Amino acid sequence: MVIVAGETGSGKTTQLPKICMELGRGIKGLIGHTQPRRLAARTVANRIAEELKTEPGGCIGYKVRFSDHVSDNTMVKLMTDGILLAEIQQDRLLMQYDTIIIDEAHETQPEYRFSSRLFERVAAAAS
């Protein structure tokens, strides 16, 4: 588990997934990237796709309530924390992912407190 802190506007949200891709992540499993709200997940996916000169739904996808733009070619999957928590119910070790980025973890939403404790357990079980 790695915790990254930085100033607002420093690029954590859009650059970390691209750095993960450059390091070879997203090949054997998805790079999961959570956002606290649906609009943020869609917007960030669109922004990263634009920076990579690709269309959302390709290597950069997103899944939010009522909208799934993830394909077999997706390497980075933006989603709300609620989507990820729902996936945990089906796959407790999140085997489809090789990296998970929890963005805006400082938000005071109960899902984040729960998910951070859960990821500690997932990481321990996977190692």
Protein backbone atom coordinates (compact mmCIF):
# COMPACT_ATOMS: atom_id res chain seq x y z
CA MET A 1 0.00 0.00 0.00
CA VAL A 2 1.36 3.41 -0.99
CA ILE A 3 -0.11 6.71 0.18
CA VAL A 4 0.47 9.75 -2.03
CA ALA A 5 -0.15 13.26 -0.76
CA GLY A 6 0.20 16.42 -2.80
CA GLU A 7 -1.22 19.84 -3.41
CA THR A 8 -4.49 20.30 -5.25
CA GLY A 9 -3.77 20.49 -8.97
CA SER A 10 -0.47 18.61 -8.71
CA GLY A 11 -1.70 15.84 -11.02
CA LYS A 12 -2.21 12.98 -8.59
CA THR A 13 -5.58 12.03 -10.06
CA THR A 14 -4.61 12.04 -13.73
CA GLN A 15 -0.90 11.23 -13.59
CA LEU A 16 -0.80 8.29 -11.16
CA PRO A 17 -2.78 5.96 -13.46
CA LYS A 18 -0.54 6.89 -16.40
CA ILE A 19 2.58 6.27 -14.29
CA CYS A 20 1.17 2.87 -13.31
CA MET A 21 0.63 2.07 -17.01
CA GLU A 22 4.20 3.14 -17.84
CA LEU A 23 5.44 0.79 -15.11
CA GLY A 24 3.63 -2.13 -16.75
CA ARG A 25 0.60 -2.23 -14.50
CA GLY A 26 -2.79 -2.85 -16.10
CA ILE A 27 -1.51 -5.74 -18.22
CA LYS A 28 -2.17 -8.73 -15.94
CA GLY A 29 -5.07 -7.01 -14.23
CA LEU A 30 -6.92 -3.72 -14.25
CA ILE A 31 -5.75 -0.53 -12.63
CA GLY A 32 -8.79 0.35 -10.53
CA HIS A 33 -9.19 4.04 -9.70
CA THR A 34 -11.98 5.18 -7.41
CA GLN A 35 -13.60 8.58 -7.21
CA PRO A 36 -16.14 9.69 -4.61
CA ARG A 37 -18.79 10.74 -7.15
CA ARG A 38 -20.09 9.55 -10.54
CA LEU A 39 -19.38 12.86 -12.23
CA ALA A 40 -15.78 12.80 -11.02
CA ALA A 41 -15.26 9.24 -12.29
CA ARG A 42 -16.58 10.12 -15.76
CA THR A 43 -14.69 13.42 -15.91
CA VAL A 44 -11.37 11.91 -14.83
CA ALA A 45 -11.75 9.03 -17.31
CA ASN A 46 -12.43 11.51 -20.11
CA ARG A 47 -9.45 13.65 -19.09
CA ILE A 48 -6.99 10.75 -18.93
CA ALA A 49 -8.28 9.38 -22.25
CA GLU A 50 -7.86 12.83 -23.80
CA GLU A 51 -4.28 13.10 -22.49
CA LEU A 52 -3.53 9.68 -23.99
CA LYS A 53 -5.24 10.66 -27.25
CA THR A 54 -7.77 7.84 -27.02
CA GLU A 55 -11.50 7.51 -26.48
CA PRO A 56 -13.11 6.66 -23.14
CA GLY A 57 -14.17 3.02 -23.11
CA GLY A 58 -10.92 1.87 -24.70
CA CYS A 59 -7.78 1.57 -22.59
CA ILE A 60 -9.33 4.09 -20.17
CA GLY A 61 -12.79 3.06 -19.07
CA TYR A 62 -15.26 3.93 -16.37
CA LYS A 63 -18.13 2.31 -14.59
CA VAL A 64 -20.66 4.20 -12.52
CA ARG A 65 -24.22 3.45 -11.56
CA PHE A 66 -26.29 2.96 -14.75
CA SER A 67 -23.28 3.42 -17.06
CA ASP A 68 -20.55 0.89 -17.94
CA HIS A 69 -17.87 1.98 -20.42
CA VAL A 70 -15.31 -0.76 -19.82
CA SER A 71 -14.08 -3.05 -22.59
CA ASP A 72 -11.72 -5.99 -22.97
CA ASN A 73 -9.03 -3.41 -23.89
CA THR A 74 -9.48 -1.37 -20.70
CA MET A 75 -6.36 -1.02 -18.57
CA VAL A 76 -7.54 1.77 -16.23
CA LYS A 77 -11.05 1.55 -14.82
CA LEU A 78 -12.41 4.65 -13.11
CA MET A 79 -15.36 3.99 -10.82
CA THR A 80 -17.11 5.17 -7.72
CA ASP A 81 -16.13 3.61 -4.44
CA GLY A 82 -19.62 2.09 -4.31
CA ILE A 83 -18.95 0.14 -7.53
CA LEU A 84 -15.71 -1.23 -6.10
CA LEU A 85 -17.40 -2.19 -2.84
CA ALA A 86 -20.09 -4.03 -4.83
CA GLU A 87 -17.36 -5.90 -6.72
CA ILE A 88 -15.76 -6.94 -3.44
CA GLN A 89 -18.96 -8.78 -2.59
CA GLN A 90 -18.41 -11.00 -5.65
CA ASP A 91 -14.60 -11.23 -5.46
CA ARG A 92 -13.20 -10.68 -1.98
CA LEU A 93 -9.59 -10.52 -3.25
CA LEU A 94 -10.38 -8.33 -6.27
CA MET A 95 -8.48 -10.69 -8.55
CA GLN A 96 -9.29 -8.70 -11.71
CA TYR A 97 -7.08 -5.84 -10.45
CA ASP A 98 -3.33 -5.55 -10.16
CA THR A 99 -3.45 -1.99 -8.81
CA ILE A 100 -6.07 -0.01 -6.94
CA ILE A 101 -5.95 3.76 -6.52
CA ILE A 102 -8.30 5.22 -3.93
CA ASP A 103 -8.52 8.89 -4.81
CA GLU A 104 -9.83 11.58 -2.50
CA ALA A 105 -9.36 9.21 0.44
CA HIS A 106 -9.50 12.17 2.81
CA GLU A 107 -13.22 12.53 2.08
CA THR A 108 -15.22 11.79 5.19
CA GLN A 109 -17.51 9.25 3.57
CA PRO A 110 -18.06 6.01 5.50
CA GLU A 111 -17.30 3.99 2.34
CA TYR A 112 -13.71 5.26 2.35
CA ARG A 113 -13.08 4.38 5.96
CA PHE A 114 -14.54 0.93 5.30
CA SER A 115 -12.70 0.39 2.02
CA SER A 116 -9.30 1.40 3.40
CA ARG A 117 -9.60 -1.19 6.20
CA LEU A 118 -10.83 -3.75 3.70
CA PHE A 119 -7.91 -3.11 1.33
CA GLU A 120 -5.46 -3.65 4.15
CA ARG A 121 -6.99 -7.12 4.59
CA VAL A 122 -7.04 -7.81 0.83
CA ALA A 123 -3.37 -6.82 0.52
CA ALA A 124 -2.43 -9.02 3.47
CA ALA A 125 -4.35 -12.00 2.04
CA ALA A 126 -2.86 -11.54 -1.44
CA SER A 127 0.74 -11.45 -0.22
